[in-house]
Amino acid sequence: MWENDLTDNSVLKPGQELRILPVDGLRHKVARGETIYSIAKKYGLDSAQAQVIVDYPFNEFINDETFELATGQQIMIPGGVPPQTAAPVRKIAQPTPVDVVQGAGSGQFLWPAAGTITQGYSFYHKAIDIANRSAGPILAADSGTVIGAGWLDNSGYGNRVMIDHGNGFVSLYAHMSVVQVSAGQQVSRGSVLGQMGSTGRSTGTHLHFEIRKGGLLNPLSFLN
């Protein structure tokens, strides 16, 4: 609607051409001096929420590490709305660490962090992002064995933890500032894995959380 300068009261005419964007959101033409962060702020997004711009696969950057933009280029703001109609965000209360017998996972996943969901699951972002300006602990969503911990490669995850839950499920927790477990360690549901951070390909402090079972699944379908 906004891409075509329309309102709820606009009347369409036969033969009128409309521009249809590839995802819900809006397109922004980069002005001189603008950055990912200044553009995000214009649309009511903070530095962690700016991750939606970075993760959109068709947005290109002069420098993929600093997210530098070219003057005049057009970028997508997935889920973006004009500033006066900024969408509400969903907040998550701080999960409570619990004592659970170690071993295979239950298949019931708890929320791994407190904060706000800043990016959901989509065809190009098969995870959810949870941001919290105060950072805070990252918790194991279910019991299992740590199969990876730390800065494992340059894939963009930064410091991450991967847990095999012993029932076909694997969970992944990325962009941590500090990792507090090691590979091979048995962890219980609700135990602390590390601290929320902004390592790797990240615009601000948040948790990138994945659930895998034969592929990448929507975590919101499994979280209690």
N, C-alpha and C. Protein backbone atom coordinates (compact mmCIF):
# COMPACT_ATOMS: atom_id res chain seq x y z
N MET A 1 0.83 -1.19 0.00
CA MET A 1 0.00 0.00 0.00
C MET A 1 0.87 1.25 0.00
N TRP A 2 1.85 1.30 0.96
CA TRP A 2 2.70 2.49 1.05
C TRP A 2 3.60 2.62 -0.16
N GLU A 3 3.98 1.49 -0.77
CA GLU A 3 4.85 1.52 -1.95
C GLU A 3 4.17 2.24 -3.11
N ASN A 4 2.83 2.24 -3.11
CA ASN A 4 2.07 2.86 -4.20
C ASN A 4 1.40 4.16 -3.78
N ASP A 5 1.82 4.70 -2.63
CA ASP A 5 1.25 5.95 -2.11
C ASP A 5 -0.27 5.87 -1.98
N LEU A 6 -0.73 4.73 -1.47
CA LEU A 6 -2.16 4.52 -1.28
C LEU A 6 -2.51 4.58 0.20
N THR A 7 -3.78 4.85 0.47
CA THR A 7 -4.30 4.80 1.84
C THR A 7 -5.46 3.82 1.86
N ASP A 8 -6.03 3.61 3.05
CA ASP A 8 -7.18 2.70 3.16
C ASP A 8 -8.37 3.19 2.36
N ASN A 9 -8.41 4.48 2.06
CA ASN A 9 -9.55 5.06 1.34
C ASN A 9 -9.28 5.24 -0.15
N SER A 10 -8.10 4.83 -0.62
CA SER A 10 -7.77 4.99 -2.04
C SER A 10 -8.65 4.10 -2.91
N VAL A 11 -9.01 4.60 -4.08
CA VAL A 11 -9.83 3.85 -5.04
C VAL A 11 -8.94 3.44 -6.21
N LEU A 12 -8.90 2.14 -6.51
CA LEU A 12 -8.11 1.64 -7.63
C LEU A 12 -8.91 1.74 -8.92
N LYS A 13 -8.20 1.99 -10.02
CA LYS A 13 -8.84 2.13 -11.32
C LYS A 13 -8.41 0.99 -12.24
N PRO A 14 -9.29 0.56 -13.15
CA PRO A 14 -8.91 -0.49 -14.11
C PRO A 14 -7.68 -0.07 -14.90
N GLY A 15 -6.72 -0.97 -15.02
CA GLY A 15 -5.51 -0.69 -15.77
C GLY A 15 -4.42 -0.02 -14.97
N GLN A 16 -4.73 0.38 -13.73
CA GLN A 16 -3.72 1.02 -12.89
C GLN A 16 -2.62 0.03 -12.54
N GLU A 17 -1.37 0.45 -12.68
CA GLU A 17 -0.24 -0.42 -12.37
C GLU A 17 0.17 -0.23 -10.91
N LEU A 18 0.40 -1.37 -10.25
CA LEU A 18 0.82 -1.35 -8.85
C LEU A 18 2.18 -2.00 -8.70
N ARG A 19 2.98 -1.48 -7.79
CA ARG A 19 4.27 -2.08 -7.47
C ARG A 19 4.07 -3.03 -6.29
N ILE A 20 4.40 -4.30 -6.49
CA ILE A 20 4.22 -5.32 -5.46
C ILE A 20 5.59 -5.73 -4.94
N LEU A 21 5.83 -5.50 -3.66
CA LEU A 21 7.11 -5.85 -3.05
C LEU A 21 7.18 -7.35 -2.78
N PRO A 22 8.40 -7.91 -2.74
CA PRO A 22 8.54 -9.36 -2.55
C PRO A 22 8.16 -9.84 -1.16
N VAL A 23 8.19 -8.97 -0.15
CA VAL A 23 7.78 -9.32 1.21
C VAL A 23 7.01 -8.15 1.79
N ASP A 24 6.27 -8.40 2.87
CA ASP A 24 5.59 -7.31 3.56
C ASP A 24 6.64 -6.34 4.11
N GLY A 25 6.37 -5.08 3.96
CA GLY A 25 7.32 -4.08 4.43
C GLY A 25 7.33 -2.88 3.51
N LEU A 26 8.44 -2.20 3.45
CA LEU A 26 8.55 -1.05 2.55
C LEU A 26 9.97 -0.94 2.02
N ARG A 27 10.11 -0.14 0.98
CA ARG A 27 11.41 0.06 0.33
C ARG A 27 11.92 1.46 0.68
N HIS A 28 13.23 1.55 0.90
CA HIS A 28 13.83 2.82 1.29
C HIS A 28 14.99 3.14 0.36
N LYS A 29 15.03 4.37 -0.14
CA LYS A 29 16.14 4.83 -0.96
C LYS A 29 17.16 5.50 -0.06
N VAL A 30 18.39 5.02 -0.10
CA VAL A 30 19.43 5.49 0.81
C VAL A 30 19.91 6.88 0.42
N ALA A 31 19.84 7.81 1.36
CA ALA A 31 20.35 9.17 1.15
C ALA A 31 21.80 9.26 1.62
N ARG A 32 22.49 10.29 1.18
CA ARG A 32 23.89 10.47 1.56
C ARG A 32 24.02 10.53 3.09
N GLY A 33 24.96 9.77 3.60
CA GLY A 33 25.23 9.78 5.03
C GLY A 33 24.38 8.83 5.85
N GLU A 34 23.38 8.21 5.24
CA GLU A 34 22.54 7.29 6.00
C GLU A 34 23.26 5.97 6.24
N THR A 35 22.96 5.36 7.37
CA THR A 35 23.50 4.06 7.73
C THR A 35 22.35 3.11 8.04
N ILE A 36 22.68 1.84 8.19
CA ILE A 36 21.68 0.87 8.61
C ILE A 36 20.99 1.34 9.89
N TYR A 37 21.78 1.89 10.79
CA TYR A 37 21.24 2.27 12.10
C TYR A 37 20.35 3.51 12.02
N SER A 38 20.75 4.49 11.20
CA SER A 38 19.91 5.70 11.08
C SER A 38 18.62 5.39 10.34
N ILE A 39 18.70 4.50 9.36
CA ILE A 39 17.49 4.10 8.63
C ILE A 39 16.56 3.33 9.56
N ALA A 40 17.13 2.41 10.31
CA ALA A 40 16.32 1.63 11.26
C ALA A 40 15.61 2.56 12.24
N LYS A 41 16.35 3.55 12.76
CA LYS A 41 15.77 4.49 13.73
C LYS A 41 14.61 5.26 13.11
N LYS A 42 14.73 5.59 11.83
CA LYS A 42 13.67 6.33 11.14
C LYS A 42 12.36 5.57 11.17
N TYR A 43 12.45 4.24 11.15
CA TYR A 43 11.25 3.41 11.14
C TYR A 43 10.97 2.79 12.51
N GLY A 44 11.54 3.41 13.55
CA GLY A 44 11.23 2.99 14.90
C GLY A 44 11.93 1.74 15.36
N LEU A 45 13.03 1.36 14.70
CA LEU A 45 13.78 0.16 15.06
C LEU A 45 15.06 0.53 15.79
N ASP A 46 15.42 -0.24 16.81
CA ASP A 46 16.70 0.00 17.47
C ASP A 46 17.79 -0.81 16.79
N SER A 47 19.00 -0.79 17.35
CA SER A 47 20.13 -1.44 16.67
C SER A 47 19.94 -2.94 16.53
N ALA A 48 19.34 -3.58 17.52
CA ALA A 48 19.10 -5.02 17.42
C ALA A 48 18.03 -5.33 16.38
N GLN A 49 17.00 -4.50 16.33
CA GLN A 49 15.92 -4.71 15.36
C GLN A 49 16.38 -4.44 13.93
N ALA A 50 17.48 -3.68 13.78
CA ALA A 50 18.03 -3.43 12.45
C ALA A 50 18.50 -4.71 11.79
N GLN A 51 18.61 -5.78 12.56
CA GLN A 51 19.03 -7.07 12.03
C GLN A 51 18.12 -7.54 10.89
N VAL A 52 16.84 -7.15 10.90
CA VAL A 52 15.93 -7.58 9.84
C VAL A 52 16.39 -7.06 8.49
N ILE A 53 17.02 -5.88 8.47
CA ILE A 53 17.52 -5.30 7.22
C ILE A 53 18.73 -6.08 6.74
N VAL A 54 19.62 -6.39 7.65
CA VAL A 54 20.85 -7.12 7.31
C VAL A 54 20.54 -8.53 6.83
N ASP A 55 19.56 -9.19 7.45
CA ASP A 55 19.27 -10.58 7.13
C ASP A 55 18.49 -10.75 5.83
N TYR A 56 17.84 -9.69 5.34
CA TYR A 56 17.09 -9.83 4.09
C TYR A 56 18.07 -10.12 2.96
N PRO A 57 17.91 -11.26 2.25
CA PRO A 57 18.96 -11.74 1.35
C PRO A 57 19.23 -10.88 0.13
N PHE A 58 18.31 -9.99 -0.24
CA PHE A 58 18.51 -9.19 -1.45
C PHE A 58 19.00 -7.78 -1.15
N ASN A 59 19.21 -7.46 0.12
CA ASN A 59 19.85 -6.19 0.47
C ASN A 59 21.36 -6.36 0.37
N GLU A 60 22.02 -5.47 -0.37
CA GLU A 60 23.45 -5.58 -0.59
C GLU A 60 24.19 -4.46 0.13
N PHE A 61 25.43 -4.74 0.50
CA PHE A 61 26.24 -3.78 1.24
C PHE A 61 27.61 -3.63 0.59
N ILE A 62 28.16 -2.41 0.64
CA ILE A 62 29.51 -2.19 0.14
C ILE A 62 30.50 -3.01 0.96
N ASN A 63 30.26 -3.03 2.26
CA ASN A 63 31.09 -3.82 3.18
C ASN A 63 30.16 -4.69 4.01
N ASP A 64 30.29 -6.00 3.87
CA ASP A 64 29.35 -6.92 4.51
C ASP A 64 29.59 -7.05 6.01
N GLU A 65 30.69 -6.50 6.51
CA GLU A 65 30.96 -6.56 7.95
C GLU A 65 30.49 -5.30 8.67
N THR A 66 30.61 -4.14 7.99
CA THR A 66 30.18 -2.89 8.60
C THR A 66 28.79 -2.46 8.12
N PHE A 67 28.25 -3.19 7.11
CA PHE A 67 26.91 -2.92 6.55
C PHE A 67 26.83 -1.55 5.89
N GLU A 68 27.96 -1.11 5.28
CA GLU A 68 27.99 0.19 4.59
C GLU A 68 27.09 0.15 3.37
N LEU A 69 26.35 1.24 3.15
CA LEU A 69 25.40 1.34 2.05
C LEU A 69 25.87 2.36 1.02
N ALA A 70 25.39 2.22 -0.21
CA ALA A 70 25.71 3.16 -1.28
C ALA A 70 24.59 4.19 -1.39
N THR A 71 24.96 5.45 -1.53
CA THR A 71 23.96 6.50 -1.72
C THR A 71 23.13 6.21 -2.97
N GLY A 72 21.83 6.27 -2.83
CA GLY A 72 20.94 6.05 -3.96
C GLY A 72 20.43 4.63 -4.11
N GLN A 73 21.06 3.68 -3.44
CA GLN A 73 20.57 2.31 -3.55
C GLN A 73 19.26 2.15 -2.79
N GLN A 74 18.49 1.15 -3.18
CA GLN A 74 17.22 0.89 -2.52
C GLN A 74 17.33 -0.38 -1.71
N ILE A 75 16.83 -0.35 -0.49
CA ILE A 75 16.86 -1.52 0.37
C ILE A 75 15.46 -1.80 0.89
N MET A 76 15.21 -3.06 1.20
CA MET A 76 13.94 -3.46 1.79
C MET A 76 14.02 -3.37 3.31
N ILE A 77 12.93 -2.92 3.90
CA ILE A 77 12.76 -2.95 5.36
C ILE A 77 11.66 -3.97 5.63
N PRO A 78 12.00 -5.26 5.78
CA PRO A 78 10.97 -6.28 5.98
C PRO A 78 10.10 -5.98 7.20
N GLY A 79 8.80 -6.04 7.00
CA GLY A 79 7.88 -5.76 8.10
C GLY A 79 7.79 -4.29 8.45
N GLY A 80 8.51 -3.44 7.71
CA GLY A 80 8.54 -2.02 8.02
C GLY A 80 7.22 -1.34 7.72
N VAL A 81 6.90 -0.34 8.50
CA VAL A 81 5.72 0.48 8.29
C VAL A 81 6.13 1.94 8.44
N PRO A 82 5.36 2.87 7.87
CA PRO A 82 5.69 4.28 8.06
C PRO A 82 5.81 4.60 9.55
N PRO A 83 6.69 5.52 9.92
CA PRO A 83 6.97 5.80 11.33
C PRO A 83 5.75 6.04 12.21
N GLN A 84 4.71 6.70 11.66
CA GLN A 84 3.57 7.04 12.49
C GLN A 84 2.70 5.83 12.81
N THR A 85 2.96 4.69 12.15
CA THR A 85 2.14 3.50 12.40
C THR A 85 3.01 2.33 12.80
N ALA A 86 4.09 2.59 13.52
CA ALA A 86 5.01 1.52 13.92
C ALA A 86 4.26 0.43 14.66
N ALA A 87 4.57 -0.83 14.30
CA ALA A 87 3.86 -1.98 14.86
C ALA A 87 4.33 -2.28 16.28
N PRO A 88 3.41 -2.80 17.13
CA PRO A 88 3.81 -3.19 18.48
C PRO A 88 4.72 -4.40 18.43
N VAL A 89 5.51 -4.59 19.48
CA VAL A 89 6.42 -5.73 19.53
C VAL A 89 6.02 -6.63 20.68
N ARG A 90 6.37 -7.90 20.56
CA ARG A 90 6.02 -8.87 21.59
C ARG A 90 7.17 -9.01 22.57
N LYS A 91 6.87 -8.87 23.87
CA LYS A 91 7.90 -8.99 24.90
C LYS A 91 7.80 -10.33 25.61
N ILE A 92 8.95 -10.85 26.01
CA ILE A 92 9.02 -12.14 26.68
C ILE A 92 9.58 -11.92 28.07
N ALA A 93 8.92 -12.48 29.07
CA ALA A 93 9.41 -12.37 30.44
C ALA A 93 10.66 -13.20 30.63
N GLN A 94 11.45 -12.85 31.65
CA GLN A 94 12.67 -13.61 31.93
C GLN A 94 12.32 -15.04 32.30
N PRO A 95 12.81 -16.03 31.52
CA PRO A 95 12.58 -17.42 31.90
C PRO A 95 13.30 -17.74 33.20
N THR A 96 12.75 -18.67 33.95
CA THR A 96 13.35 -19.05 35.22
C THR A 96 14.15 -20.33 35.07
N PRO A 97 15.45 -20.31 35.39
CA PRO A 97 16.23 -21.55 35.34
C PRO A 97 15.59 -22.59 36.26
N VAL A 98 15.56 -23.84 35.79
CA VAL A 98 14.94 -24.91 36.57
C VAL A 98 15.90 -26.07 36.71
N ASP A 99 15.71 -26.86 37.76
CA ASP A 99 16.52 -28.05 37.98
C ASP A 99 15.80 -29.24 37.35
N VAL A 100 16.44 -29.83 36.35
CA VAL A 100 15.85 -30.97 35.65
C VAL A 100 16.91 -32.04 35.55
N VAL A 101 16.50 -33.29 35.64
CA VAL A 101 17.45 -34.39 35.50
C VAL A 101 18.06 -34.34 34.11
N GLN A 102 19.40 -34.43 34.04
CA GLN A 102 20.08 -34.36 32.77
C GLN A 102 19.79 -35.61 31.94
N GLY A 103 19.84 -35.44 30.63
CA GLY A 103 19.62 -36.56 29.73
C GLY A 103 18.96 -36.07 28.47
N ALA A 104 18.21 -36.96 27.81
CA ALA A 104 17.55 -36.61 26.57
C ALA A 104 16.49 -35.55 26.82
N GLY A 105 16.24 -34.74 25.79
CA GLY A 105 15.26 -33.68 25.91
C GLY A 105 13.85 -34.21 26.02
N SER A 106 12.98 -33.36 26.54
CA SER A 106 11.57 -33.72 26.71
C SER A 106 10.74 -33.45 25.46
N GLY A 107 11.30 -32.63 24.55
CA GLY A 107 10.53 -32.21 23.39
C GLY A 107 9.69 -30.97 23.68
N GLN A 108 9.72 -30.51 24.93
CA GLN A 108 9.04 -29.29 25.33
C GLN A 108 10.08 -28.20 25.53
N PHE A 109 10.03 -27.15 24.73
CA PHE A 109 11.05 -26.11 24.75
C PHE A 109 10.58 -24.89 25.53
N LEU A 110 11.43 -24.41 26.44
CA LEU A 110 11.11 -23.16 27.14
C LEU A 110 11.79 -22.00 26.43
N TRP A 111 11.32 -20.79 26.73
CA TRP A 111 11.91 -19.60 26.11
C TRP A 111 13.36 -19.47 26.57
N PRO A 112 14.30 -19.31 25.63
CA PRO A 112 15.72 -19.29 25.98
C PRO A 112 16.23 -17.96 26.50
N ALA A 113 15.43 -16.91 26.43
CA ALA A 113 15.89 -15.59 26.89
C ALA A 113 14.71 -14.67 27.10
N ALA A 114 14.91 -13.66 27.93
CA ALA A 114 13.91 -12.61 28.11
C ALA A 114 14.18 -11.50 27.11
N GLY A 115 13.14 -10.80 26.70
CA GLY A 115 13.33 -9.69 25.77
C GLY A 115 12.15 -9.51 24.85
N THR A 116 12.44 -8.99 23.69
CA THR A 116 11.43 -8.69 22.68
C THR A 116 11.75 -9.44 21.40
N ILE A 117 10.75 -10.05 20.80
CA ILE A 117 10.96 -10.69 19.50
C ILE A 117 11.11 -9.59 18.45
N THR A 118 12.29 -9.49 17.86
CA THR A 118 12.55 -8.44 16.89
C THR A 118 12.53 -8.95 15.45
N GLN A 119 12.57 -10.24 15.28
CA GLN A 119 12.47 -10.82 13.94
C GLN A 119 11.94 -12.24 14.06
N GLY A 120 10.94 -12.55 13.24
CA GLY A 120 10.35 -13.87 13.28
C GLY A 120 10.91 -14.80 12.23
N TYR A 121 10.25 -15.92 12.07
CA TYR A 121 10.65 -16.97 11.13
C TYR A 121 10.12 -16.62 9.75
N SER A 122 10.96 -16.77 8.73
CA SER A 122 10.54 -16.50 7.36
C SER A 122 11.35 -17.37 6.41
N PHE A 123 11.08 -17.24 5.11
CA PHE A 123 11.77 -18.08 4.14
C PHE A 123 13.27 -17.81 4.11
N TYR A 124 13.69 -16.63 4.52
CA TYR A 124 15.12 -16.31 4.51
C TYR A 124 15.71 -16.20 5.92
N HIS A 125 14.88 -16.25 6.94
CA HIS A 125 15.37 -16.16 8.33
C HIS A 125 14.67 -17.26 9.12
N LYS A 126 15.25 -18.46 9.08
CA LYS A 126 14.60 -19.63 9.66
C LYS A 126 14.98 -19.76 11.14
N ALA A 127 14.54 -18.76 11.89
CA ALA A 127 14.86 -18.64 13.30
C ALA A 127 13.99 -17.53 13.87
N ILE A 128 14.15 -17.27 15.17
CA ILE A 128 13.59 -16.05 15.75
C ILE A 128 14.72 -15.28 16.43
N ASP A 129 14.60 -13.97 16.47
CA ASP A 129 15.55 -13.12 17.18
C ASP A 129 14.86 -12.54 18.41
N ILE A 130 15.54 -12.62 19.55
CA ILE A 130 15.05 -12.04 20.79
C ILE A 130 16.08 -11.02 21.27
N ALA A 131 15.66 -9.77 21.42
CA ALA A 131 16.59 -8.71 21.82
C ALA A 131 16.27 -8.22 23.22
N ASN A 132 17.32 -7.78 23.91
CA ASN A 132 17.17 -7.24 25.26
C ASN A 132 18.33 -6.27 25.49
N ARG A 133 18.03 -5.01 25.69
CA ARG A 133 19.09 -4.01 25.86
C ARG A 133 19.95 -4.29 27.09
N SER A 134 19.37 -5.01 28.05
CA SER A 134 20.12 -5.36 29.26
C SER A 134 20.88 -6.66 29.10
N ALA A 135 20.84 -7.23 27.89
CA ALA A 135 21.48 -8.53 27.62
C ALA A 135 20.84 -9.57 28.53
N GLY A 136 21.62 -10.27 29.35
CA GLY A 136 21.06 -11.27 30.23
C GLY A 136 21.44 -12.67 29.80
N PRO A 137 21.06 -13.68 30.60
CA PRO A 137 21.47 -15.05 30.33
C PRO A 137 20.70 -15.70 29.20
N ILE A 138 21.37 -16.63 28.53
CA ILE A 138 20.75 -17.49 27.53
C ILE A 138 20.59 -18.86 28.17
N LEU A 139 19.39 -19.41 28.14
CA LEU A 139 19.10 -20.68 28.79
C LEU A 139 18.90 -21.80 27.78
N ALA A 140 19.25 -23.02 28.17
CA ALA A 140 18.99 -24.19 27.34
C ALA A 140 17.48 -24.39 27.24
N ALA A 141 16.96 -24.45 26.03
CA ALA A 141 15.52 -24.60 25.84
C ALA A 141 15.03 -25.99 26.23
N ASP A 142 15.93 -26.96 26.22
CA ASP A 142 15.61 -28.32 26.65
C ASP A 142 16.92 -29.02 27.01
N SER A 143 16.83 -30.15 27.68
CA SER A 143 18.03 -30.89 28.10
C SER A 143 18.70 -31.54 26.90
N GLY A 144 20.00 -31.80 27.03
CA GLY A 144 20.72 -32.47 25.96
C GLY A 144 22.22 -32.36 26.12
N THR A 145 22.93 -32.62 25.02
CA THR A 145 24.39 -32.61 25.00
C THR A 145 24.88 -31.47 24.11
N VAL A 146 25.80 -30.67 24.61
CA VAL A 146 26.39 -29.58 23.82
C VAL A 146 27.28 -30.19 22.74
N ILE A 147 26.98 -29.91 21.48
CA ILE A 147 27.78 -30.46 20.37
C ILE A 147 28.62 -29.38 19.69
N GLY A 148 28.48 -28.15 20.12
CA GLY A 148 29.31 -27.07 19.60
C GLY A 148 29.20 -25.87 20.51
N ALA A 149 30.33 -25.22 20.79
CA ALA A 149 30.31 -24.06 21.68
C ALA A 149 31.47 -23.14 21.34
N GLY A 150 31.18 -21.84 21.21
CA GLY A 150 32.21 -20.87 20.92
C GLY A 150 32.12 -20.34 19.50
N TRP A 151 33.21 -19.74 19.04
CA TRP A 151 33.29 -19.20 17.67
C TRP A 151 33.78 -20.33 16.79
N LEU A 152 32.85 -21.04 16.16
CA LEU A 152 33.17 -22.27 15.45
C LEU A 152 33.64 -22.04 14.03
N ASP A 153 33.19 -20.95 13.40
CA ASP A 153 33.57 -20.65 12.02
C ASP A 153 33.20 -19.20 11.74
N ASN A 154 33.30 -18.80 10.47
CA ASN A 154 32.97 -17.43 10.09
C ASN A 154 31.63 -17.34 9.36
N SER A 155 30.69 -18.17 9.76
CA SER A 155 29.39 -18.21 9.10
C SER A 155 28.49 -17.04 9.48
N GLY A 156 28.88 -16.25 10.48
CA GLY A 156 28.07 -15.11 10.89
C GLY A 156 27.38 -15.29 12.22
N TYR A 157 27.40 -16.52 12.75
CA TYR A 157 26.74 -16.78 14.04
C TYR A 157 27.50 -16.16 15.22
N GLY A 158 28.78 -15.88 15.05
CA GLY A 158 29.57 -15.42 16.19
C GLY A 158 29.71 -16.52 17.21
N ASN A 159 29.74 -16.14 18.49
CA ASN A 159 29.78 -17.16 19.55
C ASN A 159 28.43 -17.86 19.64
N ARG A 160 28.44 -19.16 19.52
CA ARG A 160 27.18 -19.89 19.55
C ARG A 160 27.30 -21.18 20.34
N VAL A 161 26.14 -21.72 20.69
CA VAL A 161 26.04 -23.02 21.34
C VAL A 161 25.02 -23.84 20.57
N MET A 162 25.36 -25.11 20.34
CA MET A 162 24.43 -26.04 19.71
C MET A 162 24.21 -27.21 20.66
N ILE A 163 22.95 -27.61 20.83
CA ILE A 163 22.60 -28.71 21.72
C ILE A 163 21.86 -29.79 20.95
N ASP A 164 22.35 -31.03 21.07
CA ASP A 164 21.64 -32.20 20.56
C ASP A 164 20.77 -32.72 21.69
N HIS A 165 19.45 -32.72 21.47
CA HIS A 165 18.53 -33.08 22.55
C HIS A 165 18.25 -34.59 22.62
N GLY A 166 18.90 -35.37 21.74
CA GLY A 166 18.79 -36.81 21.83
C GLY A 166 17.47 -37.39 21.36
N ASN A 167 16.63 -36.56 20.77
CA ASN A 167 15.33 -37.03 20.28
C ASN A 167 15.06 -36.55 18.86
N GLY A 168 16.14 -36.22 18.16
CA GLY A 168 16.01 -35.71 16.79
C GLY A 168 16.07 -34.21 16.69
N PHE A 169 15.86 -33.52 17.81
CA PHE A 169 15.90 -32.06 17.82
C PHE A 169 17.31 -31.55 18.15
N VAL A 170 17.69 -30.46 17.48
CA VAL A 170 18.91 -29.72 17.79
C VAL A 170 18.52 -28.26 17.91
N SER A 171 19.02 -27.58 18.94
CA SER A 171 18.76 -26.14 19.08
C SER A 171 20.07 -25.38 18.97
N LEU A 172 19.99 -24.14 18.48
CA LEU A 172 21.17 -23.30 18.28
C LEU A 172 20.91 -21.92 18.85
N TYR A 173 21.92 -21.37 19.52
CA TYR A 173 21.85 -20.08 20.20
C TYR A 173 23.05 -19.26 19.74
N ALA A 174 22.82 -18.14 19.04
CA ALA A 174 23.93 -17.43 18.39
C ALA A 174 24.09 -16.00 18.88
N HIS A 175 25.26 -15.42 18.55
CA HIS A 175 25.66 -14.03 18.82
C HIS A 175 25.97 -13.77 20.29
N MET A 176 26.27 -14.81 21.07
CA MET A 176 26.54 -14.63 22.50
C MET A 176 27.80 -13.78 22.73
N SER A 177 27.79 -13.02 23.81
CA SER A 177 29.00 -12.30 24.21
C SER A 177 29.94 -13.24 24.95
N VAL A 178 29.38 -14.13 25.75
CA VAL A 178 30.15 -15.09 26.53
C VAL A 178 29.48 -16.45 26.45
N VAL A 179 30.27 -17.49 26.21
CA VAL A 179 29.78 -18.87 26.23
C VAL A 179 30.24 -19.52 27.53
N GLN A 180 29.31 -20.14 28.26
CA GLN A 180 29.63 -20.68 29.58
C GLN A 180 29.53 -22.21 29.65
N VAL A 181 29.49 -22.86 28.49
CA VAL A 181 29.48 -24.33 28.44
C VAL A 181 30.51 -24.76 27.41
N SER A 182 30.77 -26.05 27.33
CA SER A 182 31.75 -26.56 26.37
C SER A 182 31.20 -27.80 25.68
N ALA A 183 31.76 -28.13 24.52
CA ALA A 183 31.32 -29.28 23.74
C ALA A 183 31.45 -30.55 24.57
N GLY A 184 30.45 -31.42 24.48
CA GLY A 184 30.44 -32.67 25.22
C GLY A 184 29.75 -32.58 26.57
N GLN A 185 29.47 -31.37 27.01
CA GLN A 185 28.84 -31.17 28.32
C GLN A 185 27.36 -31.50 28.27
N GLN A 186 26.85 -32.17 29.31
CA GLN A 186 25.42 -32.42 29.45
C GLN A 186 24.78 -31.20 30.12
N VAL A 187 23.69 -30.72 29.55
CA VAL A 187 23.01 -29.56 30.13
C VAL A 187 21.54 -29.89 30.38
N SER A 188 20.99 -29.26 31.38
CA SER A 188 19.59 -29.45 31.74
C SER A 188 18.74 -28.34 31.14
N ARG A 189 17.49 -28.63 30.95
CA ARG A 189 16.52 -27.63 30.50
C ARG A 189 16.51 -26.47 31.49
N GLY A 190 16.78 -25.26 31.00
CA GLY A 190 16.79 -24.08 31.84
C GLY A 190 18.14 -23.69 32.40
N SER A 191 19.17 -24.49 32.12
CA SER A 191 20.51 -24.14 32.63
C SER A 191 21.12 -23.05 31.76
N VAL A 192 22.01 -22.25 32.35
CA VAL A 192 22.61 -21.11 31.65
C VAL A 192 23.68 -21.58 30.68
N LEU A 193 23.57 -21.13 29.42
CA LEU A 193 24.55 -21.48 28.38
C LEU A 193 25.57 -20.36 28.17
N GLY A 194 25.17 -19.14 28.42
CA GLY A 194 26.04 -17.99 28.17
C GLY A 194 25.24 -16.71 28.31
N GLN A 195 25.78 -15.63 27.75
CA GLN A 195 25.16 -14.32 27.88
C GLN A 195 24.83 -13.74 26.50
N MET A 196 23.70 -13.07 26.42
CA MET A 196 23.28 -12.44 25.17
C MET A 196 24.32 -11.41 24.73
N GLY A 197 24.59 -11.35 23.43
CA GLY A 197 25.59 -10.42 22.93
C GLY A 197 25.33 -10.00 21.50
N SER A 198 26.38 -9.57 20.82
CA SER A 198 26.27 -9.08 19.45
C SER A 198 27.50 -9.47 18.64
N THR A 199 27.94 -10.72 18.80
CA THR A 199 29.10 -11.19 18.05
C THR A 199 28.66 -11.74 16.70
N GLY A 200 29.59 -11.78 15.75
CA GLY A 200 29.27 -12.28 14.42
C GLY A 200 28.58 -11.23 13.58
N ARG A 201 27.74 -11.66 12.66
CA ARG A 201 27.04 -10.75 11.75
C ARG A 201 25.78 -10.24 12.45
N SER A 202 25.97 -9.24 13.26
CA SER A 202 24.90 -8.75 14.13
C SER A 202 24.94 -7.24 14.21
N THR A 203 23.75 -6.63 14.30
CA THR A 203 23.67 -5.17 14.39
C THR A 203 23.50 -4.68 15.82
N GLY A 204 23.16 -5.57 16.75
CA GLY A 204 22.95 -5.17 18.13
C GLY A 204 22.71 -6.38 19.01
N THR A 205 22.67 -6.17 20.31
CA THR A 205 22.56 -7.26 21.27
C THR A 205 21.25 -8.02 21.10
N HIS A 206 21.35 -9.31 20.77
CA HIS A 206 20.16 -10.15 20.63
C HIS A 206 20.57 -11.61 20.59
N LEU A 207 19.58 -12.48 20.73
CA LEU A 207 19.76 -13.92 20.56
C LEU A 207 19.12 -14.36 19.26
N HIS A 208 19.87 -15.07 18.44
CA HIS A 208 19.34 -15.74 17.24
C HIS A 208 19.13 -17.19 17.65
N PHE A 209 17.87 -17.66 17.61
CA PHE A 209 17.53 -18.98 18.14
C PHE A 209 16.91 -19.86 17.06
N GLU A 210 17.49 -21.03 16.87
CA GLU A 210 17.00 -21.98 15.88
C GLU A 210 16.60 -23.29 16.54
N ILE A 211 15.61 -23.97 15.95
CA ILE A 211 15.27 -25.35 16.29
C ILE A 211 15.31 -26.15 15.00
N ARG A 212 16.04 -27.26 15.05
CA ARG A 212 16.23 -28.08 13.85
C ARG A 212 15.76 -29.52 14.11
N LYS A 213 15.12 -30.08 13.11
CA LYS A 213 14.79 -31.50 13.10
C LYS A 213 14.52 -31.88 11.65
N GLY A 214 15.55 -32.38 10.97
CA GLY A 214 15.42 -32.65 9.55
C GLY A 214 15.32 -31.39 8.73
N GLY A 215 15.66 -30.27 9.30
CA GLY A 215 15.56 -28.97 8.67
C GLY A 215 15.33 -27.92 9.73
N LEU A 216 15.27 -26.67 9.31
CA LEU A 216 15.06 -25.56 10.24
C LEU A 216 13.57 -25.31 10.41
N LEU A 217 13.09 -25.41 11.65
CA LEU A 217 11.68 -25.29 11.96
C LEU A 217 11.38 -23.95 12.62
N ASN A 218 10.10 -23.59 12.65
CA ASN A 218 9.70 -22.34 13.30
C ASN A 218 9.69 -22.54 14.81
N PRO A 219 10.60 -21.88 15.54
CA PRO A 219 10.65 -22.07 17.00
C PRO A 219 9.35 -21.74 17.71
N LEU A 220 8.58 -20.80 17.17
CA LEU A 220 7.34 -20.40 17.83
C LEU A 220 6.33 -21.53 17.88
N SER A 221 6.52 -22.56 17.05
CA SER A 221 5.62 -23.71 17.07
C SER A 221 5.93 -24.67 18.21
N PHE A 222 7.07 -24.46 18.88
CA PHE A 222 7.52 -25.40 19.90
C PHE A 222 7.72 -24.79 21.28
N LEU A 223 7.81 -23.47 21.37
CA LEU A 223 8.12 -22.82 22.65
C LEU A 223 6.91 -22.76 23.57
N ASN A 224 7.12 -23.06 24.83
CA ASN A 224 6.05 -23.01 25.83
C ASN A 224 6.08 -21.66 26.55
